[in-house]
N, C-alpha and C. Protein backbone atom coordinates (compact mmCIF):
# COMPACT_ATOMS: atom_id res chain seq x y z
N UNK A 1 18.96 -56.74 -89.96
CA UNK A 1 20.28 -57.11 -89.49
C UNK A 1 20.50 -58.59 -89.74
N UNK A 2 21.75 -58.96 -89.97
CA UNK A 2 22.06 -60.36 -90.20
C UNK A 2 22.59 -60.98 -88.93
N UNK A 3 22.14 -62.18 -88.65
CA UNK A 3 22.67 -62.93 -87.51
C UNK A 3 23.95 -63.61 -87.96
N UNK A 4 24.64 -64.26 -87.03
CA UNK A 4 25.90 -64.92 -87.37
C UNK A 4 25.69 -66.04 -88.38
N UNK A 5 24.47 -66.56 -88.47
CA UNK A 5 24.17 -67.61 -89.44
C UNK A 5 23.85 -67.07 -90.82
N UNK A 6 23.90 -65.75 -91.00
CA UNK A 6 23.63 -65.14 -92.28
C UNK A 6 22.17 -64.86 -92.54
N UNK A 7 21.28 -65.29 -91.64
CA UNK A 7 19.86 -65.04 -91.81
C UNK A 7 19.51 -63.64 -91.33
N UNK A 8 18.53 -63.06 -91.95
CA UNK A 8 18.04 -61.75 -91.53
C UNK A 8 17.17 -61.94 -90.29
N UNK A 9 17.43 -61.14 -89.27
CA UNK A 9 16.58 -61.19 -88.07
C UNK A 9 16.02 -59.79 -87.85
N UNK A 10 14.83 -59.74 -87.33
CA UNK A 10 14.21 -58.44 -87.10
C UNK A 10 14.58 -57.92 -85.72
N UNK A 11 14.60 -56.61 -85.61
CA UNK A 11 14.83 -55.96 -84.32
C UNK A 11 13.48 -55.39 -83.92
N UNK A 12 12.92 -55.92 -82.83
CA UNK A 12 11.62 -55.45 -82.39
C UNK A 12 11.75 -54.67 -81.09
N UNK A 13 10.64 -54.19 -80.59
CA UNK A 13 10.65 -53.39 -79.36
C UNK A 13 11.21 -54.17 -78.19
N UNK A 14 10.88 -55.45 -78.11
CA UNK A 14 11.38 -56.26 -77.00
C UNK A 14 12.90 -56.37 -77.06
N UNK A 15 13.44 -56.57 -78.26
CA UNK A 15 14.89 -56.65 -78.43
C UNK A 15 15.53 -55.32 -78.08
N UNK A 16 14.98 -54.23 -78.58
CA UNK A 16 15.53 -52.90 -78.31
C UNK A 16 15.44 -52.56 -76.83
N UNK A 17 14.35 -52.96 -76.19
CA UNK A 17 14.17 -52.69 -74.77
C UNK A 17 15.21 -53.42 -73.93
N UNK A 18 15.59 -54.60 -74.35
CA UNK A 18 16.58 -55.39 -73.62
C UNK A 18 18.01 -54.95 -73.91
N UNK A 19 18.21 -54.23 -74.99
CA UNK A 19 19.57 -53.86 -75.40
C UNK A 19 20.23 -52.90 -74.42
N UNK A 20 19.54 -51.87 -73.95
CA UNK A 20 20.13 -50.87 -73.07
C UNK A 20 20.59 -51.49 -71.74
N UNK A 21 19.75 -52.28 -71.05
CA UNK A 21 20.25 -52.92 -69.82
C UNK A 21 21.45 -53.83 -70.10
N UNK A 22 21.42 -54.54 -71.21
CA UNK A 22 22.54 -55.42 -71.55
C UNK A 22 23.80 -54.61 -71.82
N UNK A 23 23.65 -53.48 -72.47
CA UNK A 23 24.80 -52.61 -72.73
C UNK A 23 25.38 -52.07 -71.43
N UNK A 24 24.53 -51.65 -70.52
CA UNK A 24 25.01 -51.15 -69.24
C UNK A 24 25.85 -52.21 -68.52
N UNK A 25 25.40 -53.45 -68.59
CA UNK A 25 26.10 -54.51 -67.88
C UNK A 25 27.43 -54.89 -68.51
N UNK A 26 27.73 -54.34 -69.69
CA UNK A 26 29.03 -54.57 -70.31
C UNK A 26 30.11 -53.68 -69.69
N UNK A 27 29.69 -52.68 -68.95
CA UNK A 27 30.64 -51.81 -68.26
C UNK A 27 31.31 -52.62 -67.15
N UNK A 28 32.64 -52.59 -67.08
CA UNK A 28 33.32 -53.36 -66.03
C UNK A 28 32.79 -53.05 -64.63
N UNK A 29 32.55 -54.11 -63.86
CA UNK A 29 32.07 -54.07 -62.48
C UNK A 29 30.64 -53.57 -62.32
N UNK A 30 29.88 -53.54 -63.42
CA UNK A 30 28.48 -53.15 -63.37
C UNK A 30 27.64 -54.38 -63.08
N UNK A 31 26.94 -54.37 -61.97
CA UNK A 31 26.06 -55.49 -61.62
C UNK A 31 24.68 -55.27 -62.24
N UNK A 32 23.88 -56.32 -62.24
CA UNK A 32 22.52 -56.20 -62.76
C UNK A 32 21.72 -55.20 -61.91
N UNK A 33 21.90 -55.24 -60.60
CA UNK A 33 21.19 -54.31 -59.72
C UNK A 33 21.61 -52.87 -59.98
N UNK A 34 22.89 -52.64 -60.21
CA UNK A 34 23.37 -51.29 -60.51
C UNK A 34 22.80 -50.81 -61.84
N UNK A 35 22.77 -51.70 -62.83
CA UNK A 35 22.20 -51.34 -64.13
C UNK A 35 20.72 -50.97 -63.99
N UNK A 36 19.98 -51.76 -63.20
CA UNK A 36 18.56 -51.44 -62.98
C UNK A 36 18.39 -50.08 -62.31
N UNK A 37 19.28 -49.75 -61.38
CA UNK A 37 19.19 -48.46 -60.69
C UNK A 37 19.42 -47.32 -61.68
N UNK A 38 20.37 -47.48 -62.58
CA UNK A 38 20.63 -46.45 -63.59
C UNK A 38 19.44 -46.33 -64.53
N UNK A 39 18.83 -47.46 -64.88
CA UNK A 39 17.66 -47.46 -65.76
C UNK A 39 16.49 -46.67 -65.17
N UNK A 40 16.39 -46.64 -63.86
CA UNK A 40 15.32 -45.87 -63.23
C UNK A 40 15.49 -44.38 -63.52
N UNK A 41 16.72 -43.92 -63.57
CA UNK A 41 17.00 -42.51 -63.80
C UNK A 41 17.18 -42.18 -65.28
N UNK A 42 17.77 -43.11 -66.01
CA UNK A 42 18.03 -42.93 -67.44
C UNK A 42 17.48 -44.14 -68.18
N UNK A 43 16.19 -44.14 -68.53
CA UNK A 43 15.56 -45.33 -69.10
C UNK A 43 16.05 -45.70 -70.51
N UNK A 44 16.70 -44.77 -71.19
CA UNK A 44 17.24 -45.06 -72.51
C UNK A 44 18.68 -44.59 -72.59
N UNK A 45 19.41 -45.17 -73.53
CA UNK A 45 20.79 -44.72 -73.74
C UNK A 45 20.80 -43.26 -74.15
N UNK A 46 19.83 -42.87 -74.97
CA UNK A 46 19.75 -41.48 -75.43
C UNK A 46 19.57 -40.52 -74.26
N UNK A 47 18.80 -40.90 -73.26
CA UNK A 47 18.59 -40.00 -72.12
C UNK A 47 19.88 -39.78 -71.34
N UNK A 48 20.68 -40.82 -71.18
CA UNK A 48 21.96 -40.66 -70.48
C UNK A 48 22.94 -39.89 -71.36
N UNK A 49 22.95 -40.20 -72.64
CA UNK A 49 23.88 -39.51 -73.55
C UNK A 49 23.57 -38.02 -73.63
N UNK A 50 22.28 -37.66 -73.64
CA UNK A 50 21.90 -36.24 -73.63
C UNK A 50 22.44 -35.55 -72.38
N UNK A 51 22.37 -36.24 -71.26
CA UNK A 51 22.89 -35.67 -70.01
C UNK A 51 24.40 -35.48 -70.10
N UNK A 52 25.10 -36.44 -70.73
CA UNK A 52 26.54 -36.30 -70.92
C UNK A 52 26.88 -35.14 -71.85
N UNK A 53 26.03 -34.88 -72.82
CA UNK A 53 26.27 -33.83 -73.80
C UNK A 53 25.81 -32.44 -73.34
N UNK A 54 25.18 -32.35 -72.21
CA UNK A 54 24.66 -31.08 -71.70
C UNK A 54 25.81 -30.09 -71.49
N UNK A 55 25.83 -28.99 -72.26
CA UNK A 55 26.94 -28.04 -72.16
C UNK A 55 27.00 -27.29 -70.84
N UNK A 56 25.93 -27.31 -70.07
CA UNK A 56 25.94 -26.60 -68.78
C UNK A 56 26.66 -27.40 -67.69
N UNK A 57 26.96 -28.68 -67.97
CA UNK A 57 27.67 -29.51 -66.99
C UNK A 57 29.17 -29.46 -67.23
N UNK A 58 29.93 -29.46 -66.15
CA UNK A 58 31.38 -29.54 -66.26
C UNK A 58 31.77 -30.99 -66.57
N UNK A 59 33.01 -31.18 -66.99
CA UNK A 59 33.48 -32.54 -67.27
C UNK A 59 33.43 -33.40 -66.00
N UNK A 60 33.76 -32.82 -64.87
CA UNK A 60 33.70 -33.55 -63.59
C UNK A 60 32.27 -33.97 -63.29
N UNK A 61 31.31 -33.07 -63.49
CA UNK A 61 29.89 -33.40 -63.25
C UNK A 61 29.43 -34.53 -64.17
N UNK A 62 29.89 -34.51 -65.41
CA UNK A 62 29.51 -35.56 -66.35
C UNK A 62 30.07 -36.90 -65.91
N UNK A 63 31.33 -36.91 -65.47
CA UNK A 63 31.94 -38.16 -65.02
C UNK A 63 31.27 -38.71 -63.77
N UNK A 64 30.65 -37.84 -62.98
CA UNK A 64 30.00 -38.26 -61.73
C UNK A 64 28.48 -38.31 -61.85
N UNK A 65 27.98 -38.35 -63.07
CA UNK A 65 26.54 -38.26 -63.31
C UNK A 65 25.73 -39.35 -62.60
N UNK A 66 26.20 -40.58 -62.60
CA UNK A 66 25.43 -41.64 -61.95
C UNK A 66 25.93 -41.94 -60.54
N UNK A 67 26.95 -41.20 -60.10
CA UNK A 67 27.42 -41.35 -58.72
C UNK A 67 26.27 -40.96 -57.80
N UNK A 68 26.03 -41.76 -56.80
CA UNK A 68 24.96 -41.46 -55.86
C UNK A 68 23.62 -42.05 -56.21
N UNK A 69 23.49 -42.63 -57.42
CA UNK A 69 22.23 -43.32 -57.76
C UNK A 69 22.07 -44.47 -56.77
N UNK A 70 20.89 -44.56 -56.18
CA UNK A 70 20.65 -45.58 -55.16
C UNK A 70 20.31 -46.93 -55.78
N UNK A 71 21.05 -47.95 -55.35
CA UNK A 71 20.76 -49.32 -55.75
C UNK A 71 19.81 -49.86 -54.70
N UNK A 72 18.63 -50.25 -55.13
CA UNK A 72 17.60 -50.71 -54.19
C UNK A 72 17.44 -52.21 -54.28
N UNK A 73 17.02 -52.77 -53.18
CA UNK A 73 16.83 -54.22 -53.12
C UNK A 73 15.57 -54.51 -52.33
N UNK A 74 14.82 -55.50 -52.75
CA UNK A 74 13.63 -55.91 -52.00
C UNK A 74 14.09 -56.87 -50.91
N UNK A 75 13.78 -56.51 -49.68
CA UNK A 75 14.22 -57.29 -48.53
C UNK A 75 13.00 -57.82 -47.79
N UNK A 76 12.75 -59.11 -47.92
CA UNK A 76 11.65 -59.76 -47.20
C UNK A 76 10.37 -58.94 -47.22
N UNK A 77 9.76 -58.78 -46.05
CA UNK A 77 8.52 -58.02 -45.93
C UNK A 77 8.76 -56.53 -45.78
N UNK A 78 10.02 -56.11 -45.79
CA UNK A 78 10.34 -54.69 -45.60
C UNK A 78 10.09 -53.86 -46.85
N UNK A 79 9.85 -54.51 -47.98
CA UNK A 79 9.65 -53.78 -49.22
C UNK A 79 10.97 -53.38 -49.85
N UNK A 80 10.96 -52.25 -50.55
CA UNK A 80 12.16 -51.78 -51.23
C UNK A 80 12.97 -50.92 -50.27
N UNK A 81 14.21 -51.31 -50.09
CA UNK A 81 15.09 -50.62 -49.15
C UNK A 81 16.36 -50.21 -49.89
N UNK A 82 16.77 -48.93 -49.81
CA UNK A 82 18.03 -48.56 -50.46
C UNK A 82 19.19 -49.27 -49.75
N UNK A 83 20.07 -49.86 -50.51
CA UNK A 83 21.17 -50.60 -49.90
C UNK A 83 22.50 -49.89 -50.05
N UNK A 84 22.69 -49.20 -51.17
CA UNK A 84 23.96 -48.49 -51.36
C UNK A 84 23.81 -47.51 -52.51
N UNK A 85 24.78 -46.62 -52.62
CA UNK A 85 24.83 -45.68 -53.73
C UNK A 85 25.92 -46.10 -54.70
N UNK A 86 25.73 -45.80 -55.98
CA UNK A 86 26.79 -46.05 -56.94
C UNK A 86 27.92 -45.08 -56.67
N UNK A 87 29.13 -45.54 -56.87
CA UNK A 87 30.30 -44.73 -56.54
C UNK A 87 30.88 -43.98 -57.73
N UNK A 88 31.86 -43.14 -57.46
CA UNK A 88 32.47 -42.32 -58.51
C UNK A 88 33.26 -43.15 -59.53
N UNK A 89 33.85 -44.25 -59.11
CA UNK A 89 34.65 -45.06 -60.04
C UNK A 89 33.76 -45.69 -61.12
N UNK A 90 32.63 -46.27 -60.71
CA UNK A 90 31.72 -46.87 -61.68
C UNK A 90 31.14 -45.79 -62.59
N UNK A 91 30.80 -44.66 -62.03
CA UNK A 91 30.26 -43.56 -62.81
C UNK A 91 31.28 -43.10 -63.87
N UNK A 92 32.54 -42.98 -63.48
CA UNK A 92 33.59 -42.55 -64.41
C UNK A 92 33.81 -43.60 -65.50
N UNK A 93 33.77 -44.89 -65.13
CA UNK A 93 33.93 -45.96 -66.13
C UNK A 93 32.81 -45.92 -67.16
N UNK A 94 31.58 -45.73 -66.70
CA UNK A 94 30.44 -45.68 -67.62
C UNK A 94 30.56 -44.47 -68.53
N UNK A 95 30.94 -43.34 -67.98
CA UNK A 95 31.14 -42.13 -68.79
C UNK A 95 32.19 -42.38 -69.87
N UNK A 96 33.32 -42.96 -69.48
CA UNK A 96 34.39 -43.22 -70.44
C UNK A 96 33.93 -44.19 -71.53
N UNK A 97 33.19 -45.20 -71.15
CA UNK A 97 32.71 -46.20 -72.10
C UNK A 97 31.75 -45.59 -73.12
N UNK A 98 30.85 -44.74 -72.66
CA UNK A 98 29.82 -44.21 -73.55
C UNK A 98 30.24 -42.96 -74.32
N UNK A 99 31.31 -42.32 -73.91
CA UNK A 99 31.71 -41.08 -74.60
C UNK A 99 33.06 -41.21 -75.30
N UNK A 100 33.67 -42.38 -75.26
CA UNK A 100 34.98 -42.57 -75.89
C UNK A 100 34.90 -42.35 -77.40
N UNK A 101 35.92 -41.72 -77.92
CA UNK A 101 35.98 -41.51 -79.37
C UNK A 101 37.11 -42.30 -80.01
N UNK A 102 38.03 -42.83 -79.19
CA UNK A 102 39.14 -43.64 -79.68
C UNK A 102 38.68 -45.08 -79.81
N UNK A 103 38.74 -45.67 -81.01
CA UNK A 103 38.25 -47.04 -81.19
C UNK A 103 39.07 -48.09 -80.44
N UNK A 104 40.25 -47.74 -79.98
CA UNK A 104 41.08 -48.70 -79.24
C UNK A 104 40.83 -48.50 -77.78
């Protein structure tokens, strides 16, 4: 791949590993903590996309696929504590972003 400077740059495992979390965070209103929570359930873009393409799921189920994923936070000496669940609006936005076919 060419960088903006015209030089060829390599894509390695570290770069590829960082790409999926960065892509998730491009979704409007997606926080880093929410992206990490989704990564726990869908560690790769392909794993989430396969779930979206599953013909046994209804369109509503696909739009709500990440709804309810628990966002966890480390709180002092209490360890990992669930703080909230992802909501239907964020889930629908992510679905629309990853399954859109219209380039506009």
